[in-house]
Amino acid sequence: MQVTLIYDKRNVGMVRDASSRIEAELTKRVQRVFADAEVKVKPMQRNGLDTDASKSDKAILARIVEEMFDDAAEWLTPEE
């Protein structure tokens, strides 16, 4: 399964290494459910989720992404 998260880079501009931190966190969370998933992230100027998953699996992935960003204060903070 391929999973690509497209995120608005303007929302995390103040976070150092945001792309690699987002990719690491998303990979960890997605592979708990879908062990064979290949995860990528792309900083752009819009948000989206591209995947070759089934409709039901895509709903699970969307929930994972939503929970990940809800918890962002714990893992995605600007470094001092």
N, C-alpha and C. Protein backbone atom coordinates (compact mmCIF):
# COMPACT_ATOMS: atom_id res chain seq x y z
N MET A 1 0.85 -1.18 0.00
CA MET A 1 0.00 0.00 0.00
C MET A 1 0.89 1.24 0.00
N GLN A 2 0.53 2.19 -0.81
CA GLN A 2 1.24 3.47 -0.87
C GLN A 2 0.39 4.53 -0.20
N VAL A 3 1.03 5.34 0.63
CA VAL A 3 0.34 6.43 1.31
C VAL A 3 1.19 7.69 1.15
N THR A 4 0.61 8.74 0.60
CA THR A 4 1.31 10.01 0.48
C THR A 4 0.47 11.09 1.14
N LEU A 5 1.05 11.72 2.14
CA LEU A 5 0.40 12.83 2.82
C LEU A 5 0.92 14.12 2.21
N ILE A 6 0.02 14.94 1.73
CA ILE A 6 0.37 16.26 1.20
C ILE A 6 -0.09 17.26 2.25
N TYR A 7 0.85 18.08 2.72
CA TYR A 7 0.49 19.03 3.77
C TYR A 7 0.91 20.43 3.38
N ASP A 8 0.23 21.38 3.95
CA ASP A 8 0.49 22.79 3.67
C ASP A 8 1.73 23.23 4.45
N LYS A 9 2.81 23.44 3.74
CA LYS A 9 4.09 23.77 4.39
C LYS A 9 4.04 25.09 5.12
N ARG A 10 3.09 25.95 4.79
CA ARG A 10 2.98 27.24 5.48
C ARG A 10 2.54 27.06 6.93
N ASN A 11 1.87 25.95 7.23
CA ASN A 11 1.40 25.71 8.59
C ASN A 11 2.49 25.24 9.53
N VAL A 12 3.61 24.78 9.00
CA VAL A 12 4.69 24.27 9.84
C VAL A 12 6.02 24.94 9.53
N GLY A 13 5.97 26.12 8.97
CA GLY A 13 7.17 26.84 8.57
C GLY A 13 8.14 27.11 9.70
N MET A 14 7.63 27.22 10.93
CA MET A 14 8.48 27.52 12.06
C MET A 14 9.08 26.27 12.70
N VAL A 15 8.72 25.10 12.19
CA VAL A 15 9.21 23.84 12.75
C VAL A 15 10.40 23.34 11.94
N ARG A 16 11.51 23.16 12.59
CA ARG A 16 12.72 22.69 11.94
C ARG A 16 12.55 21.22 11.55
N ASP A 17 12.96 20.85 10.36
CA ASP A 17 12.86 19.48 9.85
C ASP A 17 11.43 18.95 9.89
N ALA A 18 10.46 19.80 9.62
CA ALA A 18 9.05 19.41 9.72
C ALA A 18 8.73 18.21 8.84
N SER A 19 9.22 18.20 7.62
CA SER A 19 8.89 17.12 6.69
C SER A 19 9.35 15.77 7.22
N SER A 20 10.59 15.68 7.68
CA SER A 20 11.09 14.40 8.18
C SER A 20 10.40 13.99 9.48
N ARG A 21 10.05 14.96 10.31
CA ARG A 21 9.34 14.64 11.56
C ARG A 21 7.92 14.16 11.28
N ILE A 22 7.25 14.80 10.33
CA ILE A 22 5.90 14.37 9.95
C ILE A 22 5.95 12.97 9.33
N GLU A 23 6.92 12.74 8.45
CA GLU A 23 7.03 11.43 7.82
C GLU A 23 7.31 10.34 8.84
N ALA A 24 8.20 10.59 9.79
CA ALA A 24 8.51 9.59 10.81
C ALA A 24 7.29 9.27 11.67
N GLU A 25 6.57 10.29 12.08
CA GLU A 25 5.39 10.08 12.93
C GLU A 25 4.29 9.36 12.16
N LEU A 26 4.07 9.76 10.92
CA LEU A 26 3.03 9.12 10.11
C LEU A 26 3.39 7.66 9.82
N THR A 27 4.64 7.40 9.50
CA THR A 27 5.08 6.03 9.25
C THR A 27 4.84 5.16 10.47
N LYS A 28 5.21 5.66 11.63
CA LYS A 28 5.02 4.90 12.88
C LYS A 28 3.55 4.56 13.09
N ARG A 29 2.69 5.52 12.91
CA ARG A 29 1.26 5.32 13.16
C ARG A 29 0.59 4.44 12.10
N VAL A 30 0.93 4.66 10.84
CA VAL A 30 0.31 3.89 9.76
C VAL A 30 0.77 2.43 9.82
N GLN A 31 2.05 2.21 10.08
CA GLN A 31 2.56 0.84 10.06
C GLN A 31 2.11 0.02 11.27
N ARG A 32 1.54 0.64 12.27
CA ARG A 32 0.91 -0.12 13.36
C ARG A 32 -0.30 -0.87 12.83
N VAL A 33 -0.98 -0.28 11.86
CA VAL A 33 -2.20 -0.86 11.30
C VAL A 33 -1.92 -1.58 9.98
N PHE A 34 -1.12 -0.96 9.13
CA PHE A 34 -0.79 -1.50 7.81
C PHE A 34 0.73 -1.67 7.74
N ALA A 35 1.22 -2.82 8.17
CA ALA A 35 2.67 -3.04 8.32
C ALA A 35 3.44 -2.89 7.01
N ASP A 36 2.81 -3.15 5.88
CA ASP A 36 3.51 -3.10 4.60
C ASP A 36 3.39 -1.75 3.89
N ALA A 37 2.83 -0.77 4.55
CA ALA A 37 2.59 0.53 3.91
C ALA A 37 3.90 1.27 3.65
N GLU A 38 3.96 1.88 2.48
CA GLU A 38 5.08 2.76 2.12
C GLU A 38 4.57 4.19 2.26
N VAL A 39 5.17 4.94 3.18
CA VAL A 39 4.67 6.27 3.53
C VAL A 39 5.62 7.34 3.00
N LYS A 40 5.03 8.37 2.40
CA LYS A 40 5.78 9.53 1.92
C LYS A 40 5.02 10.79 2.32
N VAL A 41 5.74 11.88 2.43
CA VAL A 41 5.08 13.17 2.66
C VAL A 41 5.60 14.17 1.64
N LYS A 42 4.72 15.10 1.27
CA LYS A 42 5.09 16.15 0.31
C LYS A 42 4.62 17.49 0.85
N PRO A 43 5.55 18.39 1.10
CA PRO A 43 5.15 19.74 1.49
C PRO A 43 4.71 20.53 0.26
N MET A 44 3.51 21.05 0.30
CA MET A 44 2.97 21.84 -0.80
C MET A 44 2.16 22.99 -0.21
N GLN A 45 1.20 23.47 -0.94
CA GLN A 45 0.36 24.55 -0.43
C GLN A 45 -1.10 24.12 -0.33
N ARG A 46 -1.29 22.85 -0.07
CA ARG A 46 -2.63 22.31 0.16
C ARG A 46 -2.49 21.06 1.02
N ASN A 47 -3.59 20.57 1.53
CA ASN A 47 -3.60 19.35 2.32
C ASN A 47 -4.30 18.26 1.54
N GLY A 48 -3.83 17.03 1.69
CA GLY A 48 -4.49 15.92 1.01
C GLY A 48 -3.85 14.60 1.39
N LEU A 49 -4.52 13.54 1.02
CA LEU A 49 -4.05 12.19 1.28
C LEU A 49 -4.25 11.38 0.00
N ASP A 50 -3.15 10.91 -0.58
CA ASP A 50 -3.22 10.08 -1.78
C ASP A 50 -2.81 8.67 -1.40
N THR A 51 -3.60 7.70 -1.83
CA THR A 51 -3.31 6.31 -1.51
C THR A 51 -3.97 5.39 -2.53
N ASP A 52 -3.42 4.19 -2.63
CA ASP A 52 -4.04 3.17 -3.48
C ASP A 52 -4.89 2.22 -2.63
N ALA A 53 -5.18 2.60 -1.41
CA ALA A 53 -5.95 1.76 -0.49
C ALA A 53 -7.42 1.70 -0.89
N SER A 54 -8.10 0.70 -0.36
CA SER A 54 -9.54 0.58 -0.58
C SER A 54 -10.26 1.73 0.13
N LYS A 55 -11.53 1.88 -0.17
CA LYS A 55 -12.31 2.97 0.44
C LYS A 55 -12.33 2.85 1.96
N SER A 56 -12.51 1.65 2.48
CA SER A 56 -12.55 1.47 3.94
C SER A 56 -11.18 1.71 4.57
N ASP A 57 -10.11 1.26 3.90
CA ASP A 57 -8.76 1.51 4.42
C ASP A 57 -8.41 2.99 4.35
N LYS A 58 -8.90 3.67 3.32
CA LYS A 58 -8.64 5.11 3.20
C LYS A 58 -9.31 5.86 4.35
N ALA A 59 -10.48 5.42 4.78
CA ALA A 59 -11.14 6.04 5.93
C ALA A 59 -10.32 5.83 7.20
N ILE A 60 -9.73 4.66 7.34
CA ILE A 60 -8.86 4.39 8.49
C ILE A 60 -7.64 5.30 8.44
N LEU A 61 -7.04 5.44 7.26
CA LEU A 61 -5.87 6.31 7.10
C LEU A 61 -6.21 7.76 7.42
N ALA A 62 -7.36 8.21 6.97
CA ALA A 62 -7.78 9.59 7.25
C ALA A 62 -7.91 9.81 8.75
N ARG A 63 -8.44 8.82 9.45
CA ARG A 63 -8.57 8.93 10.91
C ARG A 63 -7.20 8.96 11.58
N ILE A 64 -6.26 8.15 11.09
CA ILE A 64 -4.90 8.14 11.62
C ILE A 64 -4.26 9.51 11.45
N VAL A 65 -4.40 10.10 10.26
CA VAL A 65 -3.81 11.42 10.00
C VAL A 65 -4.45 12.47 10.90
N GLU A 66 -5.76 12.42 11.04
CA GLU A 66 -6.45 13.39 11.90
C GLU A 66 -5.96 13.27 13.35
N GLU A 67 -5.86 12.07 13.86
CA GLU A 67 -5.38 11.87 15.23
C GLU A 67 -3.94 12.33 15.38
N MET A 68 -3.13 12.07 14.36
CA MET A 68 -1.73 12.47 14.40
C MET A 68 -1.60 13.99 14.55
N PHE A 69 -2.36 14.73 13.76
CA PHE A 69 -2.27 16.18 13.85
C PHE A 69 -2.98 16.72 15.09
N ASP A 70 -3.97 16.01 15.61
CA ASP A 70 -4.58 16.40 16.89
C ASP A 70 -3.55 16.30 18.01
N ASP A 71 -2.63 15.34 17.90
CA ASP A 71 -1.58 15.13 18.91
C ASP A 71 -0.30 15.88 18.59
N ALA A 72 -0.32 16.75 17.60
CA ALA A 72 0.90 17.41 17.12
C ALA A 72 1.63 18.20 18.19
N ALA A 73 0.92 18.71 19.17
CA ALA A 73 1.58 19.48 20.24
C ALA A 73 2.58 18.62 21.01
N GLU A 74 2.41 17.31 20.95
CA GLU A 74 3.30 16.39 21.66
C GLU A 74 4.56 16.06 20.86
N TRP A 75 4.52 16.14 19.55
CA TRP A 75 5.67 15.68 18.76
C TRP A 75 6.13 16.67 17.69
N LEU A 76 5.33 17.66 17.36
CA LEU A 76 5.69 18.60 16.29
C LEU A 76 5.70 20.02 16.85
N THR A 77 6.76 20.33 17.55
CA THR A 77 6.86 21.64 18.17
C THR A 77 8.12 22.34 17.67
N PRO A 78 8.07 23.65 17.57
CA PRO A 78 9.27 24.39 17.17
C PRO A 78 10.38 24.20 18.20
N GLU A 79 11.58 24.00 17.72
CA GLU A 79 12.71 23.84 18.63
C GLU A 79 13.18 25.20 19.09
N GLU A 80 13.58 25.25 20.31
CA GLU A 80 14.04 26.51 20.92
C GLU A 80 15.43 26.84 20.43
